[in-house]
Amino acid sequence: MSDSSISFDMVGNDLDPVSVTGELLAIIDGWLKDEGAYTTEVQQQMLESHVKAMVFRAKTGESLPEVDESLFEEISDESISLAKRAVNTLPGLAPEEALLLSVHFEIARSNA
């Protein structure tokens, strides 16, 4: 399945957030493995918590507070790209979601 075909329309298709969270985490795990990246047990729990919250925001339409983009200047383009791929699977999320999620990818990539 190509990245462009992965989409979880939480509202339009009335998808179950718990199921989507599991599917998205499996997709993310594959992406990380493709890069030779991994998370520790604690890092995985934090990533899971973030993805779960992100999926619920996609379902409820809840917005994020304003994000200071300058805080993410040291995050690699590769980590931001991975985060955008994940966020783009959930239509309706704010672009800032990718900045927040990119921190998890940066950490996983630093473990490699």
PDB file of N, CA and C in Angstrom:
ATOM      1  N   MET A   1       0.848  -1.178   0.000  1.00  0.00           N
ATOM      2  CA  MET A   1       0.000   0.000   0.000  1.00  0.00           C
ATOM      3  C   MET A   1       0.890   1.237   0.000  1.00  0.00           C
ATOM      4  N   SER A   2       0.652   2.116  -0.928  1.00  0.00           N
ATOM      5  CA  SER A   2       1.463   3.336  -0.976  1.00  0.00           C
ATOM      6  C   SER A   2       0.974   4.315   0.072  1.00  0.00           C
ATOM      7  N   ASP A   3       1.856   5.197   0.483  1.00  0.00           N
ATOM      8  CA  ASP A   3       1.508   6.176   1.509  1.00  0.00           C
ATOM      9  C   ASP A   3       0.292   7.000   1.128  1.00  0.00           C
ATOM     10  N   SER A   4       0.161   7.345  -0.150  1.00  0.00           N
ATOM     11  CA  SER A   4      -0.928   8.212  -0.572  1.00  0.00           C
ATOM     12  C   SER A   4      -2.289   7.540  -0.414  1.00  0.00           C
ATOM     13  N   SER A   5      -2.316   6.210  -0.332  1.00  0.00           N
ATOM     14  CA  SER A   5      -3.598   5.527  -0.205  1.00  0.00           C
ATOM     15  C   SER A   5      -3.984   5.255   1.250  1.00  0.00           C
ATOM     16  N   ILE A   6      -3.108   5.554   2.176  1.00  0.00           N
ATOM     17  CA  ILE A   6      -3.410   5.341   3.588  1.00  0.00           C
ATOM     18  C   ILE A   6      -4.151   6.562   4.108  1.00  0.00           C
ATOM     19  N   SER A   7      -5.409   6.350   4.471  1.00  0.00           N
ATOM     20  CA  SER A   7      -6.199   7.461   5.001  1.00  0.00           C
ATOM     21  C   SER A   7      -7.248   6.908   5.948  1.00  0.00           C
ATOM     22  N   PHE A   8      -7.325   7.526   7.095  1.00  0.00           N
ATOM     23  CA  PHE A   8      -8.314   7.151   8.095  1.00  0.00           C
ATOM     24  C   PHE A   8      -9.255   8.343   8.292  1.00  0.00           C
ATOM     25  N   ASP A   9     -10.367   8.336   7.565  1.00  0.00           N
ATOM     26  CA  ASP A   9     -11.349   9.414   7.688  1.00  0.00           C
ATOM     27  C   ASP A   9     -12.203   9.125   8.916  1.00  0.00           C
ATOM     28  N   MET A  10     -11.741   9.603  10.050  1.00  0.00           N
ATOM     29  CA  MET A  10     -12.351   9.287  11.335  1.00  0.00           C
ATOM     30  C   MET A  10     -13.819   9.676  11.402  1.00  0.00           C
ATOM     31  N   VAL A  11     -14.150  10.851  10.909  1.00  0.00           N
ATOM     32  CA  VAL A  11     -15.517  11.351  11.002  1.00  0.00           C
ATOM     33  C   VAL A  11     -16.382  10.806   9.875  1.00  0.00           C
ATOM     34  N   GLY A  12     -15.892  10.951   8.640  1.00  0.00           N
ATOM     35  CA  GLY A  12     -16.675  10.537   7.482  1.00  0.00           C
ATOM     36  C   GLY A  12     -17.024   9.064   7.484  1.00  0.00           C
ATOM     37  N   ASN A  13     -16.108   8.242   7.959  1.00  0.00           N
ATOM     38  CA  ASN A  13     -16.338   6.798   7.987  1.00  0.00           C
ATOM     39  C   ASN A  13     -16.678   6.282   9.381  1.00  0.00           C
ATOM     40  N   ASP A  14     -16.833   7.186  10.343  1.00  0.00           N
ATOM     41  CA  ASP A  14     -17.163   6.833  11.730  1.00  0.00           C
ATOM     42  C   ASP A  14     -16.273   5.697  12.241  1.00  0.00           C
ATOM     43  N   LEU A  15     -14.968   5.884  12.092  1.00  0.00           N
ATOM     44  CA  LEU A  15     -14.007   4.860  12.481  1.00  0.00           C
ATOM     45  C   LEU A  15     -13.785   4.820  13.989  1.00  0.00           C
ATOM     46  N   ASP A  16     -13.442   3.635  14.467  1.00  0.00           N
ATOM     47  CA  ASP A  16     -13.151   3.425  15.882  1.00  0.00           C
ATOM     48  C   ASP A  16     -11.734   3.898  16.195  1.00  0.00           C
ATOM     49  N   PRO A  17     -11.587   4.881  17.095  1.00  0.00           N
ATOM     50  CA  PRO A  17     -10.254   5.406  17.401  1.00  0.00           C
ATOM     51  C   PRO A  17      -9.264   4.361  17.909  1.00  0.00           C
ATOM     52  N   VAL A  18      -9.724   3.407  18.672  1.00  0.00           N
ATOM     53  CA  VAL A  18      -8.813   2.397  19.212  1.00  0.00           C
ATOM     54  C   VAL A  18      -8.249   1.532  18.082  1.00  0.00           C
ATOM     55  N   SER A  19      -9.108   1.127  17.156  1.00  0.00           N
ATOM     56  CA  SER A  19      -8.655   0.321  16.019  1.00  0.00           C
ATOM     57  C   SER A  19      -7.694   1.101  15.135  1.00  0.00           C
ATOM     58  N   VAL A  20      -8.038   2.353  14.851  1.00  0.00           N
ATOM     59  CA  VAL A  20      -7.199   3.181  13.992  1.00  0.00           C
ATOM     60  C   VAL A  20      -5.851   3.428  14.653  1.00  0.00           C
ATOM     61  N   THR A  21      -5.853   3.645  15.956  1.00  0.00           N
ATOM     62  CA  THR A  21      -4.586   3.851  16.677  1.00  0.00           C
ATOM     63  C   THR A  21      -3.678   2.650  16.486  1.00  0.00           C
ATOM     64  N   GLY A  22      -4.218   1.447  16.645  1.00  0.00           N
ATOM     65  CA  GLY A  22      -3.421   0.233  16.462  1.00  0.00           C
ATOM     66  C   GLY A  22      -2.888   0.101  15.050  1.00  0.00           C
ATOM     67  N   GLU A  23      -3.743   0.379  14.063  1.00  0.00           N
ATOM     68  CA  GLU A  23      -3.309   0.290  12.665  1.00  0.00           C
ATOM     69  C   GLU A  23      -2.235   1.316  12.352  1.00  0.00           C
ATOM     70  N   LEU A  24      -2.432   2.544  12.819  1.00  0.00           N
ATOM     71  CA  LEU A  24      -1.458   3.596  12.540  1.00  0.00           C
ATOM     72  C   LEU A  24      -0.132   3.310  13.233  1.00  0.00           C
ATOM     73  N   LEU A  25      -0.173   2.808  14.445  1.00  0.00           N
ATOM     74  CA  LEU A  25       1.069   2.457  15.137  1.00  0.00           C
ATOM     75  C   LEU A  25       1.821   1.345  14.391  1.00  0.00           C
ATOM     76  N   ALA A  26       1.092   0.393  13.823  1.00  0.00           N
ATOM     77  CA  ALA A  26       1.738  -0.670  13.046  1.00  0.00           C
ATOM     78  C   ALA A  26       2.395  -0.099  11.792  1.00  0.00           C
ATOM     79  N   ILE A  27       1.735   0.849  11.155  1.00  0.00           N
ATOM     80  CA  ILE A  27       2.295   1.499   9.968  1.00  0.00           C
ATOM     81  C   ILE A  27       3.556   2.262  10.347  1.00  0.00           C
ATOM     82  N   ILE A  28       3.471   3.029  11.425  1.00  0.00           N
ATOM     83  CA  ILE A  28       4.618   3.807  11.898  1.00  0.00           C
ATOM     84  C   ILE A  28       5.780   2.882  12.250  1.00  0.00           C
ATOM     85  N   ASP A  29       5.482   1.761  12.891  1.00  0.00           N
ATOM     86  CA  ASP A  29       6.525   0.806  13.247  1.00  0.00           C
ATOM     87  C   ASP A  29       7.255   0.321  11.991  1.00  0.00           C
ATOM     88  N   GLY A  30       6.505   0.068  10.942  1.00  0.00           N
ATOM     89  CA  GLY A  30       7.120  -0.345   9.679  1.00  0.00           C
ATOM     90  C   GLY A  30       8.013   0.733   9.103  1.00  0.00           C
ATOM     91  N   TRP A  31       7.546   1.972   9.148  1.00  0.00           N
ATOM     92  CA  TRP A  31       8.358   3.086   8.652  1.00  0.00           C
ATOM     93  C   TRP A  31       9.665   3.207   9.428  1.00  0.00           C
ATOM     94  N   LEU A  32       9.561   3.080  10.752  1.00  0.00           N
ATOM     95  CA  LEU A  32      10.766   3.184  11.588  1.00  0.00           C
ATOM     96  C   LEU A  32      11.730   2.031  11.274  1.00  0.00           C
ATOM     97  N   LYS A  33      11.196   0.836  11.149  1.00  0.00           N
ATOM     98  CA  LYS A  33      12.050  -0.316  10.838  1.00  0.00           C
ATOM     99  C   LYS A  33      12.735  -0.123   9.493  1.00  0.00           C
ATOM    100  N   ASP A  34      12.018   0.431   8.526  1.00  0.00           N
ATOM    101  CA  ASP A  34      12.619   0.689   7.208  1.00  0.00           C
ATOM    102  C   ASP A  34      13.832   1.604   7.324  1.00  0.00           C
ATOM    103  N   GLU A  35      13.835   2.461   8.327  1.00  0.00           N
ATOM    104  CA  GLU A  35      14.941   3.396   8.530  1.00  0.00           C
ATOM    105  C   GLU A  35      15.972   2.873   9.525  1.00  0.00           C
ATOM    106  N   GLY A  36      15.743   1.678  10.052  1.00  0.00           N
ATOM    107  CA  GLY A  36      16.645   1.142  11.055  1.00  0.00           C
ATOM    108  C   GLY A  36      16.472   1.821  12.404  1.00  0.00           C
ATOM    109  N   ALA A  37      15.345   2.497  12.594  1.00  0.00           N
ATOM    110  CA  ALA A  37      15.075   3.226  13.839  1.00  0.00           C
ATOM    111  C   ALA A  37      14.186   2.378  14.744  1.00  0.00           C
ATOM    112  N   TYR A  38      14.239   2.671  16.017  1.00  0.00           N
ATOM    113  CA  TYR A  38      13.413   1.935  16.971  1.00  0.00           C
ATOM    114  C   TYR A  38      13.190   2.780  18.224  1.00  0.00           C
ATOM    115  N   THR A  39      12.215   2.361  19.014  1.00  0.00           N
ATOM    116  CA  THR A  39      11.935   3.032  20.280  1.00  0.00           C
ATOM    117  C   THR A  39      12.216   2.065  21.430  1.00  0.00           C
ATOM    118  N   THR A  40      12.600   2.634  22.566  1.00  0.00           N
ATOM    119  CA  THR A  40      12.691   1.830  23.784  1.00  0.00           C
ATOM    120  C   THR A  40      11.269   1.615  24.286  1.00  0.00           C
ATOM    121  N   GLU A  41      11.104   0.811  25.295  1.00  0.00           N
ATOM    122  CA  GLU A  41       9.771   0.536  25.836  1.00  0.00           C
ATOM    123  C   GLU A  41       9.084   1.832  26.295  1.00  0.00           C
ATOM    124  N   VAL A  42       9.803   2.665  27.013  1.00  0.00           N
ATOM    125  CA  VAL A  42       9.229   3.925  27.502  1.00  0.00           C
ATOM    126  C   VAL A  42       8.930   4.864  26.330  1.00  0.00           C
ATOM    127  N   GLN A  43       9.849   4.941  25.375  1.00  0.00           N
ATOM    128  CA  GLN A  43       9.625   5.794  24.205  1.00  0.00           C
ATOM    129  C   GLN A  43       8.418   5.306  23.406  1.00  0.00           C
ATOM    130  N   GLN A  44       8.238   3.996  23.324  1.00  0.00           N
ATOM    131  CA  GLN A  44       7.097   3.433  22.607  1.00  0.00           C
ATOM    132  C   GLN A  44       5.800   3.803  23.316  1.00  0.00           C
ATOM    133  N   GLN A  45       5.786   3.745  24.629  1.00  0.00           N
ATOM    134  CA  GLN A  45       4.585   4.124  25.379  1.00  0.00           C
ATOM    135  C   GLN A  45       4.233   5.584  25.128  1.00  0.00           C
ATOM    136  N   MET A  46       5.228   6.431  25.074  1.00  0.00           N
ATOM    137  CA  MET A  46       4.985   7.853  24.820  1.00  0.00           C
ATOM    138  C   MET A  46       4.468   8.062  23.391  1.00  0.00           C
ATOM    139  N   LEU A  47       5.053   7.366  22.422  1.00  0.00           N
ATOM    140  CA  LEU A  47       4.592   7.458  21.041  1.00  0.00           C
ATOM    141  C   LEU A  47       3.142   6.965  20.938  1.00  0.00           C
ATOM    142  N   GLU A  48       2.854   5.854  21.572  1.00  0.00           N
ATOM    143  CA  GLU A  48       1.498   5.309  21.541  1.00  0.00           C
ATOM    144  C   GLU A  48       0.494   6.287  22.133  1.00  0.00           C
ATOM    145  N   SER A  49       0.854   6.909  23.235  1.00  0.00           N
ATOM    146  CA  SER A  49      -0.019   7.886  23.870  1.00  0.00           C
ATOM    147  C   SER A  49      -0.275   9.076  22.948  1.00  0.00           C
ATOM    148  N   HIS A  50       0.772   9.537  22.288  1.00  0.00           N
ATOM    149  CA  HIS A  50       0.637  10.679  21.385  1.00  0.00           C
ATOM    150  C   HIS A  50      -0.236  10.321  20.184  1.00  0.00           C
ATOM    151  N   VAL A  51       0.009   9.164  19.581  1.00  0.00           N
ATOM    152  CA  VAL A  51      -0.780   8.756  18.417  1.00  0.00           C
ATOM    153  C   VAL A  51      -2.242   8.564  18.812  1.00  0.00           C
ATOM    154  N   LYS A  52      -2.479   7.984  19.965  1.00  0.00           N
ATOM    155  CA  LYS A  52      -3.854   7.806  20.441  1.00  0.00           C
ATOM    156  C   LYS A  52      -4.548   9.162  20.567  1.00  0.00           C
ATOM    157  N   ALA A  53      -3.883  10.127  21.160  1.00  0.00           N
ATOM    158  CA  ALA A  53      -4.466  11.462  21.324  1.00  0.00           C
ATOM    159  C   ALA A  53      -4.692  12.122  19.959  1.00  0.00           C
ATOM    160  N   MET A  54      -3.766  11.926  19.051  1.00  0.00           N
ATOM    161  CA  MET A  54      -3.874  12.494  17.713  1.00  0.00           C
ATOM    162  C   MET A  54      -5.085  11.906  16.978  1.00  0.00           C
ATOM    163  N   VAL A  55      -5.280  10.602  17.085  1.00  0.00           N
ATOM    164  CA  VAL A  55      -6.417   9.941  16.449  1.00  0.00           C
ATOM    165  C   VAL A  55      -7.721  10.462  17.047  1.00  0.00           C
ATOM    166  N   PHE A  56      -7.759  10.623  18.363  1.00  0.00           N
ATOM    167  CA  PHE A  56      -8.966  11.151  18.997  1.00  0.00           C
ATOM    168  C   PHE A  56      -9.230  12.590  18.563  1.00  0.00           C
ATOM    169  N   ARG A  57      -8.178  13.390  18.393  1.00  0.00           N
ATOM    170  CA  ARG A  57      -8.375  14.760  17.894  1.00  0.00           C
ATOM    171  C   ARG A  57      -8.934  14.745  16.475  1.00  0.00           C
ATOM    172  N   ALA A  58      -8.497  13.781  15.672  1.00  0.00           N
ATOM    173  CA  ALA A  58      -9.027  13.662  14.313  1.00  0.00           C
ATOM    174  C   ALA A  58     -10.509  13.300  14.343  1.00  0.00           C
ATOM    175  N   LYS A  59     -10.920  12.565  15.356  1.00  0.00           N
ATOM    176  CA  LYS A  59     -12.324  12.150  15.494  1.00  0.00           C
ATOM    177  C   LYS A  59     -13.185  13.282  16.047  1.00  0.00           C
ATOM    178  N   THR A  60     -12.658  14.007  17.038  1.00  0.00           N
ATOM    179  CA  THR A  60     -13.460  15.018  17.729  1.00  0.00           C
ATOM    180  C   THR A  60     -13.341  16.417  17.134  1.00  0.00           C
ATOM    181  N   GLY A  61     -12.293  16.639  16.345  1.00  0.00           N
ATOM    182  CA  GLY A  61     -12.072  17.975  15.797  1.00  0.00           C
ATOM    183  C   GLY A  61     -11.422  18.934  16.783  1.00  0.00           C
ATOM    184  N   GLU A  62     -11.005  18.405  17.931  1.00  0.00           N
ATOM    185  CA  GLU A  62     -10.322  19.235  18.926  1.00  0.00           C
ATOM    186  C   GLU A  62      -9.055  19.815  18.314  1.00  0.00           C
ATOM    187  N   SER A  63      -8.789  21.086  18.608  1.00  0.00           N
ATOM    188  CA  SER A  63      -7.593  21.714  18.047  1.00  0.00           C
ATOM    189  C   SER A  63      -6.465  21.729  19.076  1.00  0.00           C
ATOM    190  N   LEU A  64      -5.277  21.925  18.557  1.00  0.00           N
ATOM    191  CA  LEU A  64      -4.097  22.057  19.406  1.00  0.00           C
ATOM    192  C   LEU A  64      -3.921  23.509  19.820  1.00  0.00           C
ATOM    193  N   PRO A  65      -3.287  23.728  20.953  1.00  0.00           N
ATOM    194  CA  PRO A  65      -2.895  25.108  21.264  1.00  0.00           C
ATOM    195  C   PRO A  65      -1.818  25.554  20.279  1.00  0.00           C
ATOM    196  N   GLU A  66      -1.576  26.831  20.210  1.00  0.00           N
ATOM    197  CA  GLU A  66      -0.563  27.348  19.292  1.00  0.00           C
ATOM    198  C   GLU A  66       0.793  26.731  19.601  1.00  0.00           C
ATOM    199  N   VAL A  67       1.532  26.414  18.544  1.00  0.00           N
ATOM    200  CA  VAL A  67       2.834  25.768  18.677  1.00  0.00           C
ATOM    201  C   VAL A  67       3.912  26.725  18.177  1.00  0.00           C
ATOM    202  N   ASP A  68       4.966  26.886  18.979  1.00  0.00           N
ATOM    203  CA  ASP A  68       6.097  27.727  18.587  1.00  0.00           C
ATOM    204  C   ASP A  68       7.025  26.899  17.704  1.00  0.00           C
ATOM    205  N   GLU A  69       6.972  27.150  16.409  1.00  0.00           N
ATOM    206  CA  GLU A  69       7.746  26.352  15.456  1.00  0.00           C
ATOM    207  C   GLU A  69       9.251  26.439  15.685  1.00  0.00           C
ATOM    208  N   SER A  70       9.714  27.511  16.306  1.00  0.00           N
ATOM    209  CA  SER A  70      11.155  27.652  16.534  1.00  0.00           C
ATOM    210  C   SER A  70      11.683  26.583  17.490  1.00  0.00           C
ATOM    211  N   LEU A  71      10.810  25.971  18.262  1.00  0.00           N
ATOM    212  CA  LEU A  71      11.232  24.914  19.179  1.00  0.00           C
ATOM    213  C   LEU A  71      11.643  23.642  18.444  1.00  0.00           C
ATOM    214  N   PHE A  72      11.300  23.564  17.169  1.00  0.00           N
ATOM    215  CA  PHE A  72      11.544  22.346  16.400  1.00  0.00           C
ATOM    216  C   PHE A  72      12.630  22.519  15.341  1.00  0.00           C
ATOM    217  N   GLU A  73      13.388  23.593  15.431  1.00  0.00           N
ATOM    218  CA  GLU A  73      14.407  23.887  14.418  1.00  0.00           C
ATOM    219  C   GLU A  73      15.499  22.827  14.346  1.00  0.00           C
ATOM    220  N   GLU A  74      15.752  22.131  15.435  1.00  0.00           N
ATOM    221  CA  GLU A  74      16.818  21.134  15.449  1.00  0.00           C
ATOM    222  C   GLU A  74      16.338  19.735  15.062  1.00  0.00           C
ATOM    223  N   ILE A  75      15.053  19.604  14.794  1.00  0.00           N
ATOM    224  CA  ILE A  75      14.513  18.319  14.356  1.00  0.00           C
ATOM    225  C   ILE A  75      14.873  18.138  12.881  1.00  0.00           C
ATOM    226  N   SER A  76      15.351  16.952  12.524  1.00  0.00           N
ATOM    227  CA  SER A  76      15.786  16.697  11.149  1.00  0.00           C
ATOM    228  C   SER A  76      14.606  16.712  10.179  1.00  0.00           C
ATOM    229  N   ASP A  77      14.932  17.028   8.944  1.00  0.00           N
ATOM    230  CA  ASP A  77      13.923  17.004   7.877  1.00  0.00           C
ATOM    231  C   ASP A  77      13.329  15.601   7.728  1.00  0.00           C
ATOM    232  N   GLU A  78      14.147  14.583   7.929  1.00  0.00           N
ATOM    233  CA  GLU A  78      13.676  13.210   7.806  1.00  0.00           C
ATOM    234  C   GLU A  78      12.620  12.889   8.862  1.00  0.00           C
ATOM    235  N   SER A  79      12.839  13.341  10.093  1.00  0.00           N
ATOM    236  CA  SER A  79      11.863  13.085  11.156  1.00  0.00           C
ATOM    237  C   SER A  79      10.580  13.865  10.915  1.00  0.00           C
ATOM    238  N   ILE A  80      10.711  15.078  10.444  1.00  0.00           N
ATOM    239  CA  ILE A  80       9.515  15.880  10.137  1.00  0.00           C
ATOM    240  C   ILE A  80       8.753  15.251   8.980  1.00  0.00           C
ATOM    241  N   SER A  81       9.475  14.736   8.002  1.00  0.00           N
ATOM    242  CA  SER A  81       8.830  14.079   6.862  1.00  0.00           C
ATOM    243  C   SER A  81       8.042  12.843   7.306  1.00  0.00           C
ATOM    244  N   LEU A  82       8.646  12.027   8.161  1.00  0.00           N
ATOM    245  CA  LEU A  82       7.939  10.852   8.689  1.00  0.00           C
ATOM    246  C   LEU A  82       6.691  11.272   9.460  1.00  0.00           C
ATOM    247  N   ALA A  83       6.815  12.313  10.261  1.00  0.00           N
ATOM    248  CA  ALA A  83       5.680  12.787  11.043  1.00  0.00           C
ATOM    249  C   ALA A  83       4.567  13.293  10.130  1.00  0.00           C
ATOM    250  N   LYS A  84       4.928  13.993   9.072  1.00  0.00           N
ATOM    251  CA  LYS A  84       3.916  14.482   8.118  1.00  0.00           C
ATOM    252  C   LYS A  84       3.200  13.312   7.448  1.00  0.00           C
ATOM    253  N   ARG A  85       3.937  12.257   7.133  1.00  0.00           N
ATOM    254  CA  ARG A  85       3.314  11.068   6.539  1.00  0.00           C
ATOM    255  C   ARG A  85       2.248  10.507   7.480  1.00  0.00           C
ATOM    256  N   ALA A  86       2.573  10.442   8.770  1.00  0.00           N
ATOM    257  CA  ALA A  86       1.627   9.918   9.747  1.00  0.00           C
ATOM    258  C   ALA A  86       0.419  10.844   9.895  1.00  0.00           C
ATOM    259  N   VAL A  87       0.675  12.131  10.028  1.00  0.00           N
ATOM    260  CA  VAL A  87      -0.407  13.096  10.206  1.00  0.00           C
ATOM    261  C   VAL A  87      -1.314  13.124   8.975  1.00  0.00           C
ATOM    262  N   ASN A  88      -0.732  12.982   7.797  1.00  0.00           N
ATOM    263  CA  ASN A  88      -1.528  13.016   6.568  1.00  0.00           C
ATOM    264  C   ASN A  88      -2.475  11.834   6.431  1.00  0.00           C
ATOM    265  N   THR A  89      -2.303  10.796   7.242  1.00  0.00           N
ATOM    266  CA  THR A  89      -3.236   9.666   7.207  1.00  0.00           C
ATOM    267  C   THR A  89      -4.548  10.006   7.906  1.00  0.00           C
ATOM    268  N   LEU A  90      -4.564  11.114   8.641  1.00  0.00           N
ATOM    269  CA  LEU A  90      -5.743  11.521   9.406  1.00  0.00           C
ATOM    270  C   LEU A  90      -6.248  12.879   8.916  1.00  0.00           C
ATOM    271  N   PRO A  91      -7.141  12.870   7.938  1.00  0.00           N
ATOM    272  CA  PRO A  91      -7.641  14.139   7.396  1.00  0.00           C
ATOM    273  C   PRO A  91      -8.225  15.030   8.491  1.00  0.00           C
ATOM    274  N   GLY A  92      -7.927  16.316   8.369  1.00  0.00           N
ATOM    275  CA  GLY A  92      -8.500  17.288   9.291  1.00  0.00           C
ATOM    276  C   GLY A  92      -7.593  17.707  10.431  1.00  0.00           C
ATOM    277  N   LEU A  93      -6.449  17.036  10.589  1.00  0.00           N
ATOM    278  CA  LEU A  93      -5.541  17.433  11.666  1.00  0.00           C
ATOM    279  C   LEU A  93      -4.776  18.693  11.279  1.00  0.00           C
ATOM    280  N   ALA A  94      -4.437  19.465  12.281  1.00  0.00           N
ATOM    281  CA  ALA A  94      -3.654  20.680  12.062  1.00  0.00           C
ATOM    282  C   ALA A  94      -2.230  20.313  11.656  1.00  0.00           C
ATOM    283  N   PRO A  95      -1.618  21.115  10.791  1.00  0.00           N
ATOM    284  CA  PRO A  95      -0.234  20.837  10.376  1.00  0.00           C
ATOM    285  C   PRO A  95       0.750  20.804  11.550  1.00  0.00           C
ATOM    286  N   GLU A  96       0.445  21.523  12.614  1.00  0.00           N
ATOM    287  CA  GLU A  96       1.324  21.548  13.789  1.00  0.00           C
ATOM    288  C   GLU A  96       1.466  20.183  14.444  1.00  0.00           C
ATOM    289  N   GLU A  97       0.497  19.301  14.190  1.00  0.00           N
ATOM    290  CA  GLU A  97       0.583  17.943  14.737  1.00  0.00           C
ATOM    291  C   GLU A  97       1.895  17.287  14.315  1.00  0.00           C
ATOM    292  N   ALA A  98       2.313  17.551  13.079  1.00  0.00           N
ATOM    293  CA  ALA A  98       3.538  16.925  12.571  1.00  0.00           C
ATOM    294  C   ALA A  98       4.762  17.390  13.348  1.00  0.00           C
ATOM    295  N   LEU A  99       4.775  18.650  13.733  1.00  0.00           N
ATOM    296  CA  LEU A  99       5.911  19.143  14.516  1.00  0.00           C
ATOM    297  C   LEU A  99       6.007  18.403  15.841  1.00  0.00           C
ATOM    298  N   LEU A 100       4.891  18.270  16.516  1.00  0.00           N
ATOM    299  CA  LEU A 100       4.897  17.588  17.814  1.00  0.00           C
ATOM    300  C   LEU A 100       5.268  16.111  17.663  1.00  0.00           C
ATOM    301  N   LEU A 101       4.714  15.462  16.649  1.00  0.00           N
ATOM    302  CA  LEU A 101       4.992  14.051  16.438  1.00  0.00           C
ATOM    303  C   LEU A 101       6.440  13.818  16.004  1.00  0.00           C
ATOM    304  N   SER A 102       7.016  14.790  15.323  1.00  0.00           N
ATOM    305  CA  SER A 102       8.386  14.624  14.813  1.00  0.00           C
ATOM    306  C   SER A 102       9.401  14.377  15.924  1.00  0.00           C
ATOM    307  N   VAL A 103       9.121  14.850  17.105  1.00  0.00           N
ATOM    308  CA  VAL A 103      10.037  14.634  18.228  1.00  0.00           C
ATOM    309  C   VAL A 103      10.186  13.132  18.498  1.00  0.00           C
ATOM    310  N   HIS A 104       9.076  12.398  18.430  1.00  0.00           N
ATOM    311  CA  HIS A 104       9.133  10.951  18.650  1.00  0.00           C
ATOM    312  C   HIS A 104       9.978  10.265  17.581  1.00  0.00           C
ATOM    313  N   PHE A 105       9.824  10.700  16.342  1.00  0.00           N
ATOM    314  CA  PHE A 105      10.604  10.110  15.257  1.00  0.00           C
ATOM    315  C   PHE A 105      12.080  10.461  15.389  1.00  0.00           C
ATOM    316  N   GLU A 106      12.362  11.671  15.796  1.00  0.00           N
ATOM    317  CA  GLU A 106      13.754  12.088  15.976  1.00  0.00           C
ATOM    318  C   GLU A 106      14.437  11.226  17.047  1.00  0.00           C
ATOM    319  N   ILE A 107      13.722  10.966  18.108  1.00  0.00           N
ATOM    320  CA  ILE A 107      14.255  10.132  19.186  1.00  0.00           C
ATOM    321  C   ILE A 107      14.473   8.704  18.683  1.00  0.00           C
ATOM    322  N   ALA A 108      13.492   8.162  17.977  1.00  0.00           N
ATOM    323  CA  ALA A 108      13.610   6.790  17.457  1.00  0.00           C
ATOM    324  C   ALA A 108      14.787   6.701  16.479  1.00  0.00           C
ATOM    325  N   ARG A 109      14.951   7.699  15.646  1.00  0.00           N
ATOM    326  CA  ARG A 109      16.032   7.681  14.672  1.00  0.00           C
ATOM    327  C   ARG A 109      17.398   7.833  15.365  1.00  0.00           C
ATOM    328  N   SER A 110      17.425   8.526  16.492  1.00  0.00           N
ATOM    329  CA  SER A 110      18.693   8.686  17.210  1.00  0.00           C
ATOM    330  C   SER A 110      19.121   7.382  17.891  1.00  0.00           C
ATOM    331  N   ASN A 111      18.189   6.456  18.080  1.00  0.00           N
ATOM    332  CA  ASN A 111      18.494   5.146  18.669  1.00  0.00           C
ATOM    333  C   ASN A 111      19.201   4.236  17.675  1.00  0.00           C
ATOM    334  N   ALA A 112      19.028   4.520  16.401  1.00  0.00           N
ATOM    335  CA  ALA A 112      19.553   3.620  15.354  1.00  0.00           C
ATOM    336  C   ALA A 112      21.073   3.570  15.372  1.00  0.00           C
TER     337      ALA A 112
END
